[in-house]
C-alpha atoms as a PDB file:
ATOM      1  CA  UNK A   1     -60.488 -80.694  -9.765  1.00  0.00           C
ATOM      2  CA  UNK A   2     -60.155 -77.641  -7.742  1.00  0.00           C
ATOM      3  CA  UNK A   3     -57.556 -76.363  -9.463  1.00  0.00           C
ATOM      4  CA  UNK A   4     -59.713 -76.633 -12.854  1.00  0.00           C
ATOM      5  CA  UNK A   5     -63.283 -74.974 -11.383  1.00  0.00           C
ATOM      6  CA  UNK A   6     -60.785 -72.356 -10.309  1.00  0.00           C
ATOM      7  CA  UNK A   7     -59.577 -71.557 -13.472  1.00  0.00           C
ATOM      8  CA  UNK A   8     -63.145 -71.820 -15.007  1.00  0.00           C
ATOM      9  CA  UNK A   9     -64.427 -69.231 -12.330  1.00  0.00           C
ATOM     10  CA  UNK A  10     -61.545 -66.798 -12.966  1.00  0.00           C
ATOM     11  CA  UNK A  11     -62.199 -67.025 -16.996  1.00  0.00           C
ATOM     12  CA  UNK A  12     -65.727 -66.543 -16.659  1.00  0.00           C
ATOM     13  CA  UNK A  13     -65.539 -63.673 -13.831  1.00  0.00           C
ATOM     14  CA  UNK A  14     -62.945 -62.121 -16.879  1.00  0.00           C
ATOM     15  CA  UNK A  15     -66.106 -61.387 -18.970  1.00  0.00           C
ATOM     16  CA  UNK A  16     -68.350 -60.043 -16.498  1.00  0.00           C
ATOM     17  CA  UNK A  17     -66.522 -57.032 -15.475  1.00  0.00           C
ATOM     18  CA  UNK A  18     -68.359 -53.609 -16.357  1.00  0.00           C
ATOM     19  CA  UNK A  19     -67.011 -50.415 -17.151  1.00  0.00           C
ATOM     20  CA  UNK A  20     -68.607 -47.622 -14.966  1.00  0.00           C
ATOM     21  CA  UNK A  21     -68.768 -43.976 -16.114  1.00  0.00           C
ATOM     22  CA  UNK A  22     -68.953 -40.722 -14.194  1.00  0.00           C
ATOM     23  CA  UNK A  23     -71.029 -38.244 -15.996  1.00  0.00           C
ATOM     24  CA  UNK A  24     -70.170 -34.358 -14.506  1.00  0.00           C
ATOM     25  CA  UNK A  25     -73.878 -32.211 -14.241  1.00  0.00           C
ATOM     26  CA  UNK A  26     -73.325 -28.595 -14.266  1.00  0.00           C
ATOM     27  CA  UNK A  27     -74.050 -27.174 -10.837  1.00  0.00           C
ATOM     28  CA  UNK A  28     -75.361 -23.724 -10.092  1.00  0.00           C
ATOM     29  CA  UNK A  29     -74.194 -21.063  -7.680  1.00  0.00           C
ATOM     30  CA  UNK A  30     -76.891 -20.612  -5.552  1.00  0.00           C
ATOM     31  CA  UNK A  31     -77.330 -17.240  -4.344  1.00  0.00           C
ATOM     32  CA  UNK A  32     -75.459 -15.764  -1.277  1.00  0.00           C
ATOM     33  CA  UNK A  33     -78.306 -14.799   1.492  1.00  0.00           C
ATOM     34  CA  UNK A  34     -78.582 -11.373   2.314  1.00  0.00           C
ATOM     35  CA  UNK A  35     -77.150 -10.995   5.660  1.00  0.00           C
ATOM     36  CA  UNK A  36     -78.458  -8.692   8.387  1.00  0.00           C
ATOM     37  CA  UNK A  37     -76.472  -5.607   8.883  1.00  0.00           C
ATOM     38  CA  UNK A  38     -75.131  -4.920  12.715  1.00  0.00           C
ATOM     39  CA  UNK A  39     -74.581  -1.845  14.121  1.00  0.00           C
ATOM     40  CA  UNK A  40     -71.462  -1.436  15.987  1.00  0.00           C
ATOM     41  CA  UNK A  41     -73.806   0.132  19.453  1.00  0.00           C
ATOM     42  CA  UNK A  42     -74.509  -3.751  19.378  1.00  0.00           C
ATOM     43  CA  UNK A  43     -70.995  -5.074  19.674  1.00  0.00           C
ATOM     44  CA  UNK A  44     -70.261  -2.664  22.370  1.00  0.00           C
ATOM     45  CA  UNK A  45     -71.567  -5.298  24.546  1.00  0.00           C
ATOM     46  CA  UNK A  46     -69.244  -7.916  23.626  1.00  0.00           C
ATOM     47  CA  UNK A  47     -65.339  -8.192  25.551  1.00  0.00           C
ATOM     48  CA  UNK A  48     -62.757  -7.989  22.612  1.00  0.00           C
ATOM     49  CA  UNK A  49     -62.097 -11.662  23.006  1.00  0.00           C
ATOM     50  CA  UNK A  50     -65.723 -12.301  22.214  1.00  0.00           C
ATOM     51  CA  UNK A  51     -65.803  -9.930  19.270  1.00  0.00           C
ATOM     52  CA  UNK A  52     -62.217 -11.073  17.472  1.00  0.00           C
ATOM     53  CA  UNK A  53     -64.579 -14.599  17.721  1.00  0.00           C
ATOM     54  CA  UNK A  54     -66.822 -13.160  15.537  1.00  0.00           C
ATOM     55  CA  UNK A  55     -64.634 -11.773  13.534  1.00  0.00           C
ATOM     56  CA  UNK A  56     -62.276 -14.879  12.821  1.00  0.00           C
ATOM     57  CA  UNK A  57     -65.667 -16.900  12.615  1.00  0.00           C
ATOM     58  CA  UNK A  58     -67.103 -14.692   9.923  1.00  0.00           C
ATOM     59  CA  UNK A  59     -63.711 -14.796   7.861  1.00  0.00           C
ATOM     60  CA  UNK A  60     -63.478 -18.684   7.724  1.00  0.00           C
ATOM     61  CA  UNK A  61     -67.254 -18.634   6.707  1.00  0.00           C
ATOM     62  CA  UNK A  62     -66.685 -16.094   4.162  1.00  0.00           C
ATOM     63  CA  UNK A  63     -63.494 -18.491   3.434  1.00  0.00           C
ATOM     64  CA  UNK A  64     -65.848 -21.724   3.008  1.00  0.00           C
ATOM     65  CA  UNK A  65     -68.253 -20.250   0.921  1.00  0.00           C
ATOM     66  CA  UNK A  66     -65.160 -19.115  -1.576  1.00  0.00           C
ATOM     67  CA  UNK A  67     -63.730 -22.768  -1.678  1.00  0.00           C
ATOM     68  CA  UNK A  68     -67.134 -24.121  -2.598  1.00  0.00           C
ATOM     69  CA  UNK A  69     -68.091 -22.140  -5.191  1.00  0.00           C
ATOM     70  CA  UNK A  70     -64.494 -22.943  -6.815  1.00  0.00           C
ATOM     71  CA  UNK A  71     -65.262 -26.179  -6.282  1.00  0.00           C
ATOM     72  CA  UNK A  72     -68.627 -26.063  -8.241  1.00  0.00           C
ATOM     73  CA  UNK A  73     -66.867 -23.515 -11.195  1.00  0.00           C
ATOM     74  CA  UNK A  74     -64.739 -26.585 -12.231  1.00  0.00           C
ATOM     75  CA  UNK A  75     -67.784 -28.494 -13.083  1.00  0.00           C
ATOM     76  CA  UNK A  76     -67.931 -25.956 -15.718  1.00  0.00           C
ATOM     77  CA  UNK A  77     -65.954 -25.023 -18.663  1.00  0.00           C
ATOM     78  CA  UNK A  78     -64.652 -21.367 -19.775  1.00  0.00           C
ATOM     79  CA  UNK A  79     -68.004 -21.248 -21.962  1.00  0.00           C
ATOM     80  CA  UNK A  80     -69.854 -21.999 -19.004  1.00  0.00           C
ATOM     81  CA  UNK A  81     -70.666 -26.222 -20.927  1.00  0.00           C
ATOM     82  CA  UNK A  82     -69.890 -28.755 -18.653  1.00  0.00           C
ATOM     83  CA  UNK A  83     -66.484 -30.490 -18.445  1.00  0.00           C
END
């Protein structure tokens, strides 16, 4: 009895499957903010290690921005249409 009920549940469940379709929407690359300029005189009070850390931090942020822009560009084809 239980075997027959289990078989019936499996057969009915097989009919209730749905297909999920993912649609890529076009993403716009946001404008980069205008960053304030820093003059060399303002950085003289920093130690060498702090200055190197700041330069490394800025380089990592720029690399991250480029990676994010590349990801956004993958949502578009060469003609600018959605892929």
